């Protein structure tokens, strides 16, 4: 059971690996809507690529060019995927939670070079729900054969980056941790405080720590810019 949706990748891989398994994907942030509108997203990408065809790549846009880009987006008669627009036209350290905020940002030419592939079969076989994790996870607490896949937003993440602006904060993080039980796979990074929280439990909350005692941890260093990176973490416990 993939409790936090996101890119669907964990649920997709699980179903592909274990086709006979029941795989529940919780689309709490509207990702399936984005997949349905890939044709529109590709049309918009093509429009912007034409606007920026003669502009140097990976360079900040001058004011006249940015005005043309903004006008092209405003005049587009289809679905506008803000997540994609941010990835094409903003540096990774420069984010925007709404289209209005996005238009006010200083853009650069990072437009994707090719269309996104069709995702018509990407969700095939998944049981798609849309529920708060507080009501979804408890449905599986007493089902020991259900693997919990937990990839929540980072507690420190700007809340406006998510479709639900009250999506995840410290209180919700603590609510989630009270629901975790093996078997589980939990994804996090040094941009979150999960590992520090587990150290705290081990030192000061031995009863709560028993849920995580014996976890296996896998770490991966991810670089997002020159000399700028973070550590991705995956912890899991199956019994």
C-alpha atoms as a PDB file:
ATOM      1  CA  UNK A   1       0.000   0.000   0.000  1.00  0.00           C
ATOM      2  CA  UNK A   2       1.620   3.206  -1.262  1.00  0.00           C
ATOM      3  CA  UNK A   3       0.321   5.749   1.242  1.00  0.00           C
ATOM      4  CA  UNK A   4       1.629   8.990  -0.241  1.00  0.00           C
ATOM      5  CA  UNK A   5       1.187   8.569  -3.969  1.00  0.00           C
ATOM      6  CA  UNK A   6       3.610  10.907  -5.615  1.00  0.00           C
ATOM      7  CA  UNK A   7       5.101   9.653  -8.866  1.00  0.00           C
ATOM      8  CA  UNK A   8       3.382   6.225  -8.672  1.00  0.00           C
ATOM      9  CA  UNK A   9       6.823   4.653  -9.175  1.00  0.00           C
ATOM     10  CA  UNK A  10       6.838   2.423  -6.041  1.00  0.00           C
ATOM     11  CA  UNK A  11       3.302   1.193  -6.750  1.00  0.00           C
ATOM     12  CA  UNK A  12       4.055   0.701 -10.452  1.00  0.00           C
ATOM     13  CA  UNK A  13       7.230  -1.284  -9.710  1.00  0.00           C
ATOM     14  CA  UNK A  14       5.435  -3.371  -7.081  1.00  0.00           C
ATOM     15  CA  UNK A  15       2.666  -4.329  -9.510  1.00  0.00           C
ATOM     16  CA  UNK A  16       5.155  -5.043 -12.292  1.00  0.00           C
ATOM     17  CA  UNK A  17       7.265  -7.217  -9.967  1.00  0.00           C
ATOM     18  CA  UNK A  18       4.343  -8.964  -8.264  1.00  0.00           C
ATOM     19  CA  UNK A  19       1.504  -8.886 -10.823  1.00  0.00           C
ATOM     20  CA  UNK A  20      -0.760 -11.085  -8.693  1.00  0.00           C
ATOM     21  CA  UNK A  21      -0.497  -8.759  -5.687  1.00  0.00           C
ATOM     22  CA  UNK A  22      -3.139  -6.227  -4.755  1.00  0.00           C
ATOM     23  CA  UNK A  23      -1.390  -2.834  -4.939  1.00  0.00           C
ATOM     24  CA  UNK A  24      -3.147   0.207  -3.484  1.00  0.00           C
ATOM     25  CA  UNK A  25      -1.976   3.608  -4.699  1.00  0.00           C
ATOM     26  CA  UNK A  26      -3.112   6.643  -2.716  1.00  0.00           C
ATOM     27  CA  UNK A  27      -3.347   9.565  -5.123  1.00  0.00           C
ATOM     28  CA  UNK A  28      -3.525  12.281  -2.502  1.00  0.00           C
ATOM     29  CA  UNK A  29      -1.853  15.009  -4.575  1.00  0.00           C
ATOM     30  CA  UNK A  30      -3.486  14.698  -7.986  1.00  0.00           C
ATOM     31  CA  UNK A  31      -0.740  12.858  -9.871  1.00  0.00           C
ATOM     32  CA  UNK A  32      -3.172  10.766 -11.904  1.00  0.00           C
ATOM     33  CA  UNK A  33      -4.679  13.985 -13.258  1.00  0.00           C
ATOM     34  CA  UNK A  34      -1.229  15.054 -14.441  1.00  0.00           C
ATOM     35  CA  UNK A  35      -0.777  11.716 -16.204  1.00  0.00           C
ATOM     36  CA  UNK A  36      -4.137  12.051 -17.957  1.00  0.00           C
ATOM     37  CA  UNK A  37      -3.068  15.420 -19.339  1.00  0.00           C
ATOM     38  CA  UNK A  38       0.312  14.404 -20.768  1.00  0.00           C
ATOM     39  CA  UNK A  39      -0.893  15.226 -24.331  1.00  0.00           C
ATOM     40  CA  UNK A  40      -1.637  18.810 -23.229  1.00  0.00           C
ATOM     41  CA  UNK A  41       1.680  19.022 -21.394  1.00  0.00           C
ATOM     42  CA  UNK A  42       3.501  17.922 -24.536  1.00  0.00           C
ATOM     43  CA  UNK A  43       1.632  20.526 -26.622  1.00  0.00           C
ATOM     44  CA  UNK A  44       2.626  23.245 -24.170  1.00  0.00           C
ATOM     45  CA  UNK A  45       6.227  22.034 -24.175  1.00  0.00           C
ATOM     46  CA  UNK A  46       6.293  22.239 -27.965  1.00  0.00           C
ATOM     47  CA  UNK A  47       4.877  25.767 -27.859  1.00  0.00           C
ATOM     48  CA  UNK A  48       7.495  26.953 -25.369  1.00  0.00           C
ATOM     49  CA  UNK A  49      10.288  25.151 -27.217  1.00  0.00           C
ATOM     50  CA  UNK A  50       9.358  27.151 -30.317  1.00  0.00           C
ATOM     51  CA  UNK A  51       9.423  30.412 -28.338  1.00  0.00           C
ATOM     52  CA  UNK A  52      12.877  29.552 -26.959  1.00  0.00           C
ATOM     53  CA  UNK A  53      14.273  27.914 -30.094  1.00  0.00           C
ATOM     54  CA  UNK A  54      16.914  30.614 -30.649  1.00  0.00           C
ATOM     55  CA  UNK A  55      17.618  31.333 -26.981  1.00  0.00           C
ATOM     56  CA  UNK A  56      20.735  29.857 -25.308  1.00  0.00           C
ATOM     57  CA  UNK A  57      20.011  26.882 -23.084  1.00  0.00           C
ATOM     58  CA  UNK A  58      20.553  27.050 -19.325  1.00  0.00           C
ATOM     59  CA  UNK A  59      20.624  30.842 -19.392  1.00  0.00           C
ATOM     60  CA  UNK A  60      18.344  33.232 -17.545  1.00  0.00           C
ATOM     61  CA  UNK A  61      15.705  34.760 -19.774  1.00  0.00           C
ATOM     62  CA  UNK A  62      15.842  38.443 -20.584  1.00  0.00           C
ATOM     63  CA  UNK A  63      12.675  40.422 -19.938  1.00  0.00           C
ATOM     64  CA  UNK A  64      11.318  40.421 -23.527  1.00  0.00           C
ATOM     65  CA  UNK A  65      11.797  36.657 -23.837  1.00  0.00           C
ATOM     66  CA  UNK A  66      10.251  35.958 -20.442  1.00  0.00           C
ATOM     67  CA  UNK A  67       7.268  38.106 -21.410  1.00  0.00           C
ATOM     68  CA  UNK A  68       6.774  35.976 -24.531  1.00  0.00           C
ATOM     69  CA  UNK A  69       7.024  32.789 -22.474  1.00  0.00           C
ATOM     70  CA  UNK A  70       4.479  34.032 -19.931  1.00  0.00           C
ATOM     71  CA  UNK A  71       2.121  35.118 -22.719  1.00  0.00           C
ATOM     72  CA  UNK A  72       2.400  31.703 -24.391  1.00  0.00           C
ATOM     73  CA  UNK A  73       1.506  29.973 -21.132  1.00  0.00           C
ATOM     74  CA  UNK A  74      -1.379  32.320 -20.375  1.00  0.00           C
ATOM     75  CA  UNK A  75      -2.814  31.863 -23.871  1.00  0.00           C
ATOM     76  CA  UNK A  76      -2.462  28.085 -23.909  1.00  0.00           C
ATOM     77  CA  UNK A  77      -5.901  26.484 -24.206  1.00  0.00           C
ATOM     78  CA  UNK A  78      -5.212  23.264 -22.311  1.00  0.00           C
ATOM     79  CA  UNK A  79      -4.049  21.827 -19.002  1.00  0.00           C
ATOM     80  CA  UNK A  80      -1.069  23.611 -17.457  1.00  0.00           C
ATOM     81  CA  UNK A  81       1.110  21.383 -15.297  1.00  0.00           C
ATOM     82  CA  UNK A  82       2.816  23.705 -12.834  1.00  0.00           C
ATOM     83  CA  UNK A  83       5.228  20.985 -11.736  1.00  0.00           C
ATOM     84  CA  UNK A  84       6.492  20.578 -15.289  1.00  0.00           C
ATOM     85  CA  UNK A  85       6.675  24.320 -15.870  1.00  0.00           C
ATOM     86  CA  UNK A  86       8.797  24.718 -12.738  1.00  0.00           C
ATOM     87  CA  UNK A  87      11.166  21.971 -13.873  1.00  0.00           C
ATOM     88  CA  UNK A  88      11.527  23.546 -17.339  1.00  0.00           C
ATOM     89  CA  UNK A  89      11.824  27.207 -16.430  1.00  0.00           C
ATOM     90  CA  UNK A  90      13.019  27.578 -12.820  1.00  0.00           C
ATOM     91  CA  UNK A  91      16.242  26.622 -11.121  1.00  0.00           C
ATOM     92  CA  UNK A  92      15.816  23.784  -8.632  1.00  0.00           C
ATOM     93  CA  UNK A  93      16.392  26.174  -5.723  1.00  0.00           C
ATOM     94  CA  UNK A  94      13.723  28.590  -6.987  1.00  0.00           C
ATOM     95  CA  UNK A  95      10.202  27.262  -6.418  1.00  0.00           C
ATOM     96  CA  UNK A  96       6.654  28.520  -6.796  1.00  0.00           C
ATOM     97  CA  UNK A  97       3.462  27.166  -5.278  1.00  0.00           C
ATOM     98  CA  UNK A  98       0.981  28.866  -7.612  1.00  0.00           C
ATOM     99  CA  UNK A  99       0.910  29.989 -11.228  1.00  0.00           C
ATOM    100  CA  UNK A 100       0.870  33.623 -10.088  1.00  0.00           C
ATOM    101  CA  UNK A 101       4.044  33.072  -8.073  1.00  0.00           C
ATOM    102  CA  UNK A 102       5.575  31.224 -10.997  1.00  0.00           C
ATOM    103  CA  UNK A 103       5.025  34.133 -13.406  1.00  0.00           C
ATOM    104  CA  UNK A 104       6.831  36.487 -10.995  1.00  0.00           C
ATOM    105  CA  UNK A 105       9.957  34.315 -10.823  1.00  0.00           C
ATOM    106  CA  UNK A 106      13.122  34.930 -12.829  1.00  0.00           C
ATOM    107  CA  UNK A 107      13.024  32.151 -15.429  1.00  0.00           C
ATOM    108  CA  UNK A 108      15.746  30.378 -17.363  1.00  0.00           C
ATOM    109  CA  UNK A 109      15.788  28.190 -20.456  1.00  0.00           C
ATOM    110  CA  UNK A 110      15.761  24.628 -19.207  1.00  0.00           C
ATOM    111  CA  UNK A 111      12.945  23.511 -21.482  1.00  0.00           C
ATOM    112  CA  UNK A 112      12.712  19.766 -21.912  1.00  0.00           C
ATOM    113  CA  UNK A 113      14.036  18.655 -25.311  1.00  0.00           C
ATOM    114  CA  UNK A 114      11.491  15.909 -26.011  1.00  0.00           C
ATOM    115  CA  UNK A 115       7.869  15.030 -25.315  1.00  0.00           C
ATOM    116  CA  UNK A 116       6.881  12.867 -22.374  1.00  0.00           C
ATOM    117  CA  UNK A 117       6.011   9.285 -23.305  1.00  0.00           C
ATOM    118  CA  UNK A 118       2.429   8.146 -23.138  1.00  0.00           C
ATOM    119  CA  UNK A 119       1.508   6.817 -19.681  1.00  0.00           C
ATOM    120  CA  UNK A 120      -1.754   5.122 -20.584  1.00  0.00           C
ATOM    121  CA  UNK A 121      -0.694   1.769 -19.096  1.00  0.00           C
ATOM    122  CA  UNK A 122       1.347   3.155 -16.199  1.00  0.00           C
ATOM    123  CA  UNK A 123      -1.531   2.765 -13.734  1.00  0.00           C
ATOM    124  CA  UNK A 124      -2.734  -0.557 -15.094  1.00  0.00           C
ATOM    125  CA  UNK A 125      -3.685  -3.002 -12.332  1.00  0.00           C
ATOM    126  CA  UNK A 126      -3.400  -0.495  -9.483  1.00  0.00           C
ATOM    127  CA  UNK A 127      -6.229   0.105  -7.033  1.00  0.00           C
ATOM    128  CA  UNK A 128      -6.385   3.900  -6.879  1.00  0.00           C
ATOM    129  CA  UNK A 129      -7.797   5.686  -3.838  1.00  0.00           C
ATOM    130  CA  UNK A 130      -7.573   9.251  -2.579  1.00  0.00           C
ATOM    131  CA  UNK A 131      -7.644   9.497   1.207  1.00  0.00           C
ATOM    132  CA  UNK A 132      -5.761  11.210   4.032  1.00  0.00           C
ATOM    133  CA  UNK A 133      -3.094   8.843   5.334  1.00  0.00           C
ATOM    134  CA  UNK A 134      -4.646   9.179   8.799  1.00  0.00           C
ATOM    135  CA  UNK A 135      -7.687   7.216   7.614  1.00  0.00           C
ATOM    136  CA  UNK A 136      -6.006   5.041   4.976  1.00  0.00           C
ATOM    137  CA  UNK A 137      -3.082   3.526   6.896  1.00  0.00           C
ATOM    138  CA  UNK A 138      -5.187   2.314   9.873  1.00  0.00           C
ATOM    139  CA  UNK A 139      -7.179   0.136   7.456  1.00  0.00           C
ATOM    140  CA  UNK A 140      -4.044  -1.983   6.999  1.00  0.00           C
ATOM    141  CA  UNK A 141      -2.515  -1.909  10.493  1.00  0.00           C
ATOM    142  CA  UNK A 142      -3.933  -5.332  11.364  1.00  0.00           C
ATOM    143  CA  UNK A 143      -3.056  -6.910   8.002  1.00  0.00           C
ATOM    144  CA  UNK A 144       0.449  -8.304   8.558  1.00  0.00           C
ATOM    145  CA  UNK A 145       0.875  -9.316   4.912  1.00  0.00           C
ATOM    146  CA  UNK A 146       0.411  -5.721   3.741  1.00  0.00           C
ATOM    147  CA  UNK A 147       3.662  -3.875   3.042  1.00  0.00           C
ATOM    148  CA  UNK A 148       3.452  -0.170   3.901  1.00  0.00           C
ATOM    149  CA  UNK A 149       5.302   1.999   1.380  1.00  0.00           C
ATOM    150  CA  UNK A 150       5.836   5.402   2.981  1.00  0.00           C
ATOM    151  CA  UNK A 151       7.348   8.313   1.075  1.00  0.00           C
ATOM    152  CA  UNK A 152       5.887  11.420   2.750  1.00  0.00           C
ATOM    153  CA  UNK A 153       6.828  15.013   1.906  1.00  0.00           C
ATOM    154  CA  UNK A 154       9.688  16.400   3.931  1.00  0.00           C
ATOM    155  CA  UNK A 155       8.509  18.166   7.066  1.00  0.00           C
ATOM    156  CA  UNK A 156      10.671  21.163   6.167  1.00  0.00           C
ATOM    157  CA  UNK A 157       9.291  21.443   2.604  1.00  0.00           C
ATOM    158  CA  UNK A 158       7.452  24.637   1.692  1.00  0.00           C
ATOM    159  CA  UNK A 159       3.833  23.585   2.011  1.00  0.00           C
ATOM    160  CA  UNK A 160       2.784  25.520  -1.090  1.00  0.00           C
ATOM    161  CA  UNK A 161       4.655  23.020  -3.266  1.00  0.00           C
ATOM    162  CA  UNK A 162       1.821  20.555  -2.808  1.00  0.00           C
ATOM    163  CA  UNK A 163      -1.689  20.630  -4.228  1.00  0.00           C
ATOM    164  CA  UNK A 164      -3.033  20.386  -0.681  1.00  0.00           C
ATOM    165  CA  UNK A 165      -1.369  23.329   1.061  1.00  0.00           C
ATOM    166  CA  UNK A 166      -1.909  21.713   4.482  1.00  0.00           C
ATOM    167  CA  UNK A 167      -0.496  18.442   3.250  1.00  0.00           C
ATOM    168  CA  UNK A 168       2.290  17.688   5.721  1.00  0.00           C
ATOM    169  CA  UNK A 169       3.829  19.268   8.786  1.00  0.00           C
ATOM    170  CA  UNK A 170       5.321  18.198  12.093  1.00  0.00           C
ATOM    171  CA  UNK A 171       1.984  17.135  13.614  1.00  0.00           C
ATOM    172  CA  UNK A 172       1.179  14.965  10.595  1.00  0.00           C
ATOM    173  CA  UNK A 173       4.678  13.493  10.686  1.00  0.00           C
ATOM    174  CA  UNK A 174       4.158  12.460  14.315  1.00  0.00           C
ATOM    175  CA  UNK A 175       0.720  11.057  13.452  1.00  0.00           C
ATOM    176  CA  UNK A 176       2.318   8.958  10.730  1.00  0.00           C
ATOM    177  CA  UNK A 177       5.078   7.634  12.966  1.00  0.00           C
ATOM    178  CA  UNK A 178       2.479   6.332  15.410  1.00  0.00           C
ATOM    179  CA  UNK A 179       0.945   4.278  12.586  1.00  0.00           C
ATOM    180  CA  UNK A 180       4.114   2.645  11.267  1.00  0.00           C
ATOM    181  CA  UNK A 181       4.532  -1.086  11.798  1.00  0.00           C
ATOM    182  CA  UNK A 182       6.486  -3.806   9.968  1.00  0.00           C
ATOM    183  CA  UNK A 183       6.603  -4.697   7.185  1.00  0.00           C
ATOM    184  CA  UNK A 184       7.382  -1.233   5.827  1.00  0.00           C
ATOM    185  CA  UNK A 185       9.645   0.649   3.456  1.00  0.00           C
ATOM    186  CA  UNK A 186      10.216   4.291   4.369  1.00  0.00           C
ATOM    187  CA  UNK A 187      11.861   6.840   2.063  1.00  0.00           C
ATOM    188  CA  UNK A 188      13.438  10.034   3.351  1.00  0.00           C
ATOM    189  CA  UNK A 189      16.564  12.179   3.052  1.00  0.00           C
ATOM    190  CA  UNK A 190      18.763  14.564   4.991  1.00  0.00           C
ATOM    191  CA  UNK A 191      16.333  17.301   3.901  1.00  0.00           C
ATOM    192  CA  UNK A 192      13.945  15.673   6.354  1.00  0.00           C
ATOM    193  CA  UNK A 193      14.507  14.839  10.011  1.00  0.00           C
ATOM    194  CA  UNK A 194      13.510  11.171   9.967  1.00  0.00           C
ATOM    195  CA  UNK A 195      16.943   9.791  10.818  1.00  0.00           C
ATOM    196  CA  UNK A 196      17.399  12.302  13.652  1.00  0.00           C
ATOM    197  CA  UNK A 197      13.929  11.408  14.910  1.00  0.00           C
ATOM    198  CA  UNK A 198      14.821   7.707  14.953  1.00  0.00           C
ATOM    199  CA  UNK A 199      17.986   8.498  16.922  1.00  0.00           C
ATOM    200  CA  UNK A 200      15.784  10.377  19.386  1.00  0.00           C
ATOM    201  CA  UNK A 201      13.440   7.401  19.756  1.00  0.00           C
ATOM    202  CA  UNK A 202      16.314   5.006  20.331  1.00  0.00           C
ATOM    203  CA  UNK A 203      17.764   7.206  23.056  1.00  0.00           C
ATOM    204  CA  UNK A 204      14.663   8.523  24.808  1.00  0.00           C
ATOM    205  CA  UNK A 205      11.617   6.450  23.741  1.00  0.00           C
ATOM    206  CA  UNK A 206      12.671   2.787  23.888  1.00  0.00           C
ATOM    207  CA  UNK A 207       9.106   1.449  23.665  1.00  0.00           C
ATOM    208  CA  UNK A 208       8.375   3.413  20.477  1.00  0.00           C
ATOM    209  CA  UNK A 209      11.822   2.495  19.155  1.00  0.00           C
ATOM    210  CA  UNK A 210      10.981  -1.219  19.135  1.00  0.00           C
ATOM    211  CA  UNK A 211       9.013  -0.708  15.898  1.00  0.00           C
ATOM    212  CA  UNK A 212      12.221   0.440  14.176  1.00  0.00           C
ATOM    213  CA  UNK A 213      14.779  -1.664  16.027  1.00  0.00           C
ATOM    214  CA  UNK A 214      16.682  -3.731  13.483  1.00  0.00           C
ATOM    215  CA  UNK A 215      15.811  -1.624  10.430  1.00  0.00           C
ATOM    216  CA  UNK A 216      18.048  -1.833   7.396  1.00  0.00           C
ATOM    217  CA  UNK A 217      19.191   1.513   6.013  1.00  0.00           C
ATOM    218  CA  UNK A 218      20.312   2.255   2.449  1.00  0.00           C
ATOM    219  CA  UNK A 219      21.892   5.629   1.632  1.00  0.00           C
ATOM    220  CA  UNK A 220      22.515   7.384  -1.679  1.00  0.00           C
ATOM    221  CA  UNK A 221      24.207  10.743  -2.231  1.00  0.00           C
ATOM    222  CA  UNK A 222      22.263  12.867  -4.720  1.00  0.00           C
ATOM    223  CA  UNK A 223      23.811  15.935  -6.346  1.00  0.00           C
ATOM    224  CA  UNK A 224      21.404  18.628  -7.567  1.00  0.00           C
ATOM    225  CA  UNK A 225      23.986  21.288  -8.451  1.00  0.00           C
ATOM    226  CA  UNK A 226      27.722  21.801  -8.296  1.00  0.00           C
ATOM    227  CA  UNK A 227      28.796  21.181  -4.696  1.00  0.00           C
ATOM    228  CA  UNK A 228      25.133  21.045  -3.652  1.00  0.00           C
ATOM    229  CA  UNK A 229      23.526  17.762  -2.745  1.00  0.00           C
ATOM    230  CA  UNK A 230      21.801  15.698  -0.126  1.00  0.00           C
ATOM    231  CA  UNK A 231      21.603  12.128   1.123  1.00  0.00           C
ATOM    232  CA  UNK A 232      18.621   9.983   0.172  1.00  0.00           C
ATOM    233  CA  UNK A 233      17.624   7.348   2.723  1.00  0.00           C
ATOM    234  CA  UNK A 234      15.570   4.202   2.447  1.00  0.00           C
ATOM    235  CA  UNK A 235      14.891   2.226   5.600  1.00  0.00           C
ATOM    236  CA  UNK A 236      12.962  -1.007   5.719  1.00  0.00           C
ATOM    237  CA  UNK A 237      11.922  -3.728   8.111  1.00  0.00           C
ATOM    238  CA  UNK A 238       9.998  -6.810   7.091  1.00  0.00           C
ATOM    239  CA  UNK A 239       9.444  -8.585  10.420  1.00  0.00           C
END
